[in-house]
Every structure is written in C-alpha cells, then in structure tokens.
Amino acid sequence: MADQTADTRTEIINAARREFFKHGFEGARLQKIADQIGATKAMIHYYFNTKKELFERVYTQSVGEIFGGLGDILDQDLPLFKKIEQLVVACLDKSETHPQVLAFVITESNRKPDWLQPIFEERIQLELVSFNEELDEAASNYEIASVDAQNLLLNIFSLCYYPVLSDTINRSLLNTNGTSGDSTANTNRKGLILDTILNWLTA
C-alpha cells in the first residue's frame, strides 16, 4: 500500500511538472493534470491539498535539479582553477540536460519573487565566505586579478544559463540550426566558457 501511495504521488508530480512547465502556475489546471494520469481532481487533492502546494513541490524539486550541489563544489578542498572548472561543468551540464526545468525556475521565480524567493533560499544556500577568502588569497599571490565571488559566479551563471534559455532566439539571430542539446556544441561551449573565465581572471 505504501509503495502504491508513493507511485501515485510520483505520477501526480510528473504530470504536474509537464503542466506547470508548459503553462506556469497561473495557466496550469488541476483537471489537465488529472486527465494526464486518468485520475480525478479529488484524488490529486487527497495527496496535495491545493494547487499551490503541488506547485511548491514541483518548484522545490526543480530548483534542486538545477542548483543543487553547487554549494558542495564550493566547499571542496580543490585548487581554485579546478574548482572553477567543476562549477562551469556542473552549471552547463545541468542547464543543458534540463533546459525546460531551468526555464521554469527562472520564469516562475521572476513572476512571483515574494512567494518563491524564500523557498529558493531555503533550498539552496551558497556559502561564499570561504570562497571569497580563496579568491582574495589567489589575488594577493598575483595568481588572479582581484574579484569577488558574487561577480565570478554571476559570470559563470550567465555564460552557462543564458545560451540555453535563449536558444530559439540565438538560432534566429545567429542563423544556425544547432540547439543547446547538440553534444559537439556543448563540448565546445565548455571549453569556451572556461577559457573566457580563466583568461578574465588571469588578465
């Protein structure tokens, strides 16, 4: 019975993901979620009291898929450049593996910051004090230019996430047929991003 309950919850969440990813919170309908799995709205309410509760479950799960684990990389005892490389690889892999999830998290977070920002902050916390100390030490040893962790991470996030979010526009602007899911393009992007970040830091 417990397994069946877990399976039903998972089925509802997966259907809700498809509906929320496509229509957002405002446009999504519980009836459409129920229809996907051959259920009723009453059954959905048995597992999730409200549409808001179900959305929060999907949103929290999605935030973890895109941003989970980044703090662990920052906390690792690694040489600075290796740590930066792992951050770039992780961000790029997450965004390219789950482009729909990334778009959902960014779009809905911007639409409803008062509601969703606290949920995001509870789920994801980056401890930047030690990372800033690493950057300061490297700068004092003339290994890199002086930079703070916030600006470094903003550059990494921008380079890794923006091309995936704007894939359709980029294909039109740049007159290319490639997509963010192309493995060769992805490998090239990793190298370009790492070169851009490391050249900027060591200029």
Protein backbone atom coordinates (compact mmCIF):
# COMPACT_ATOMS: atom_id res chain seq x y z
CA MET A 1 0.00 0.00 0.00
CA ALA A 2 2.85 2.37 0.86
CA ASP A 3 4.52 1.64 -2.49
CA GLN A 4 1.26 2.32 -4.32
CA THR A 5 0.87 5.64 -2.48
CA ALA A 6 4.42 6.65 -3.38
CA ASP A 7 3.88 5.64 -7.01
CA THR A 8 0.67 7.69 -7.19
CA ARG A 9 2.34 10.76 -5.70
CA THR A 10 5.20 10.42 -8.18
CA GLU A 11 2.75 10.05 -11.06
CA ILE A 12 0.91 13.20 -9.98
CA ILE A 13 4.15 15.17 -9.58
CA ASN A 14 5.42 14.10 -13.00
CA ALA A 15 2.14 15.11 -14.64
CA ALA A 16 2.17 18.39 -12.71
CA ARG A 17 5.69 19.10 -13.91
CA ARG A 18 4.56 18.84 -17.52
CA GLU A 19 1.59 21.11 -16.88
CA PHE A 20 3.46 23.72 -14.83
CA PHE A 21 6.44 23.75 -17.18
CA LYS A 22 4.13 24.48 -20.10
CA HIS A 23 1.67 26.90 -18.51
CA GLY A 24 3.22 28.20 -15.30
CA PHE A 25 1.32 28.45 -12.04
CA GLU A 26 -1.41 30.76 -13.31
CA GLY A 27 -2.17 28.87 -16.51
CA ALA A 28 -1.94 25.32 -15.16
CA ARG A 29 -5.14 23.42 -14.41
CA LEU A 30 -5.52 20.57 -11.94
CA GLN A 31 -8.07 18.94 -14.22
CA LYS A 32 -5.49 18.72 -17.00
CA ILE A 33 -3.03 17.14 -14.58
CA ALA A 34 -5.68 14.63 -13.53
CA ASP A 35 -6.56 13.87 -17.15
CA GLN A 36 -2.93 13.02 -17.95
CA ILE A 37 -2.93 10.15 -15.47
CA GLY A 38 -6.56 9.08 -15.76
CA ALA A 39 -7.42 10.37 -12.31
CA THR A 40 -9.77 12.89 -10.74
CA LYS A 41 -9.12 16.25 -9.14
CA ALA A 42 -10.36 14.74 -5.89
CA MET A 43 -7.52 12.21 -5.97
CA ILE A 44 -4.97 14.96 -6.52
CA HIS A 45 -6.41 16.83 -3.54
CA TYR A 46 -6.03 13.66 -1.46
CA TYR A 47 -2.25 13.91 -1.91
CA PHE A 48 -1.87 17.68 -2.26
CA ASN A 49 -4.35 19.97 -0.52
CA THR A 50 -4.09 22.78 -3.06
CA LYS A 51 -2.69 23.65 -6.45
CA LYS A 52 -0.24 25.93 -4.61
CA GLU A 53 1.07 23.03 -2.51
CA LEU A 54 1.58 20.89 -5.62
CA PHE A 55 3.30 23.75 -7.41
CA GLU A 56 5.65 24.31 -4.48
CA ARG A 57 6.60 20.64 -4.58
CA VAL A 58 7.40 20.85 -8.29
CA TYR A 59 9.24 24.16 -7.88
CA THR A 60 11.36 22.91 -4.96
CA GLN A 61 12.26 19.75 -6.86
CA SER A 62 13.18 21.78 -9.95
CA VAL A 63 15.37 24.20 -8.02
CA GLY A 64 17.31 21.25 -6.65
CA GLU A 65 17.81 19.79 -10.12
CA ILE A 66 19.34 22.99 -11.46
CA PHE A 67 21.18 24.48 -8.49
CA GLY A 68 21.65 21.56 -6.10
CA GLY A 69 25.22 20.50 -5.47
CA LEU A 70 26.83 23.82 -6.41
CA GLY A 71 27.49 24.60 -2.77
CA ASP A 72 29.22 21.23 -2.37
CA ILE A 73 31.62 22.14 -5.17
CA LEU A 74 32.45 25.46 -3.49
CA ASP A 75 33.15 23.61 -0.24
CA GLN A 76 35.52 21.06 -1.77
CA ASP A 77 39.22 21.16 -0.95
CA LEU A 78 40.39 21.71 -4.52
CA PRO A 79 42.82 24.03 -6.30
CA LEU A 80 40.99 27.22 -7.25
CA PHE A 81 41.08 26.73 -11.03
CA LYS A 82 39.91 23.11 -10.68
CA LYS A 83 37.02 24.27 -8.52
CA ILE A 84 36.03 26.86 -11.11
CA GLU A 85 36.22 24.21 -13.83
CA GLN A 86 33.91 21.91 -11.86
CA LEU A 87 31.45 24.76 -11.30
CA VAL A 88 31.35 25.54 -15.02
CA VAL A 89 30.91 21.88 -15.96
CA ALA A 90 28.16 21.38 -13.36
CA CYS A 91 26.22 24.50 -14.37
CA LEU A 92 26.47 23.77 -18.06
CA ASP A 93 25.54 20.10 -17.67
CA LYS A 94 22.52 20.92 -15.51
CA SER A 95 21.23 23.62 -17.83
CA GLU A 96 21.73 21.56 -20.99
CA THR A 97 20.32 18.36 -19.50
CA HIS A 98 17.25 20.11 -18.09
CA PRO A 99 16.59 23.22 -20.23
CA GLN A 100 12.84 23.12 -19.55
CA VAL A 101 13.44 22.92 -15.81
CA LEU A 102 15.85 25.86 -15.94
CA ALA A 103 13.38 27.98 -17.90
CA PHE A 104 10.59 27.08 -15.47
CA VAL A 105 12.61 28.02 -12.38
CA ILE A 106 13.83 31.32 -13.82
CA THR A 107 10.46 32.35 -15.27
CA GLU A 108 8.34 31.49 -12.25
CA SER A 109 10.88 32.95 -9.80
CA ASN A 110 10.73 36.25 -11.66
CA ARG A 111 6.93 36.20 -11.83
CA LYS A 112 6.43 35.56 -8.12
CA PRO A 113 9.56 36.58 -6.20
CA ASP A 114 7.76 37.36 -2.92
CA TRP A 115 6.39 33.83 -2.80
CA LEU A 116 9.16 31.79 -4.39
CA GLN A 117 12.38 33.51 -3.33
CA PRO A 118 12.07 32.32 0.30
CA ILE A 119 11.51 28.76 -0.96
CA PHE A 120 14.56 29.04 -3.19
CA GLU A 121 16.72 30.40 -0.38
CA GLU A 122 15.60 27.64 1.98
CA ARG A 123 16.51 25.00 -0.60
CA ILE A 124 19.77 26.46 -1.95
CA GLN A 125 22.44 28.22 0.07
CA LEU A 126 25.90 29.04 -1.23
CA GLU A 127 28.47 29.74 1.46
CA LEU A 128 30.64 32.40 -0.14
CA VAL A 129 32.84 33.49 2.79
CA SER A 130 35.46 30.76 2.33
CA PHE A 131 35.31 31.05 -1.45
CA ASN A 132 35.91 34.79 -1.22
CA GLU A 133 38.90 34.09 1.02
CA GLU A 134 40.30 31.72 -1.62
CA LEU A 135 39.89 34.37 -4.29
CA ASP A 136 41.50 37.02 -2.09
CA GLU A 137 44.46 34.76 -1.34
CA ALA A 138 44.95 33.95 -5.03
CA ALA A 139 44.79 37.67 -5.86
CA SER A 140 47.31 38.54 -3.14
CA ASN A 141 49.67 35.93 -4.64
CA TYR A 142 49.19 37.51 -8.10
CA GLU A 143 47.64 34.32 -9.45
CA ILE A 144 44.42 36.09 -10.49
CA ALA A 145 43.02 39.59 -10.70
CA SER A 146 41.07 40.83 -7.69
CA VAL A 147 37.46 39.64 -7.96
CA ASP A 148 34.68 38.81 -5.52
CA ALA A 149 32.76 35.56 -5.51
CA GLN A 150 29.45 37.18 -6.43
CA ASN A 151 30.76 38.62 -9.70
CA LEU A 152 32.64 35.46 -10.58
CA LEU A 153 29.54 33.31 -10.05
CA LEU A 154 27.34 35.76 -11.94
CA ASN A 155 29.65 35.47 -14.93
CA ILE A 156 29.63 31.67 -14.74
CA PHE A 157 25.84 31.52 -14.42
CA SER A 158 25.36 33.97 -17.28
CA LEU A 159 27.67 32.11 -19.65
CA CYS A 160 26.20 28.70 -18.78
CA TYR A 161 22.50 29.52 -18.46
CA TYR A 162 21.71 32.34 -20.87
CA PRO A 163 22.52 30.50 -24.14
CA VAL A 164 20.21 27.66 -23.10
CA LEU A 165 17.38 29.99 -22.05
CA SER A 166 17.64 31.98 -25.28
CA ASP A 167 18.27 29.04 -27.64
CA THR A 168 15.39 29.80 -30.03
CA ILE A 169 16.32 33.48 -30.32
CA ASN A 170 20.00 32.67 -30.74
CA ARG A 171 19.30 30.29 -33.63
CA SER A 172 17.44 33.08 -35.42
CA LEU A 173 19.94 35.81 -34.61
CA LEU A 174 23.00 33.72 -35.44
CA ASN A 175 21.43 31.83 -38.36
CA THR A 176 22.36 28.40 -37.03
CA ASN A 177 20.48 25.11 -36.93
CA GLY A 178 22.23 23.81 -33.81
CA THR A 179 20.45 23.51 -30.48
CA SER A 180 21.54 23.56 -26.87
CA GLY A 181 21.27 19.77 -26.86
CA ASP A 182 23.93 19.23 -29.53
CA SER A 183 26.77 17.28 -27.87
CA THR A 184 29.55 18.76 -30.04
CA ALA A 185 28.32 22.30 -29.45
CA ASN A 186 28.10 21.60 -25.72
CA THR A 187 31.68 20.34 -25.56
CA ASN A 188 32.87 23.43 -27.42
CA ARG A 189 30.88 25.68 -25.09
CA LYS A 190 32.57 24.20 -22.03
CA GLY A 191 35.98 24.97 -23.44
CA LEU A 192 34.99 28.48 -24.49
CA ILE A 193 33.45 29.30 -21.11
CA LEU A 194 36.45 28.00 -19.20
CA ASP A 195 38.82 29.96 -21.44
CA THR A 196 36.71 33.11 -21.04
CA ILE A 197 36.57 32.86 -17.24
CA LEU A 198 40.21 31.89 -16.72
CA ASN A 199 41.54 34.45 -19.20
CA TRP A 200 39.48 37.13 -17.45
CA LEU A 201 40.79 36.08 -14.03
CA THR A 202 44.43 35.96 -15.10
CA ALA A 203 44.49 39.02 -17.36
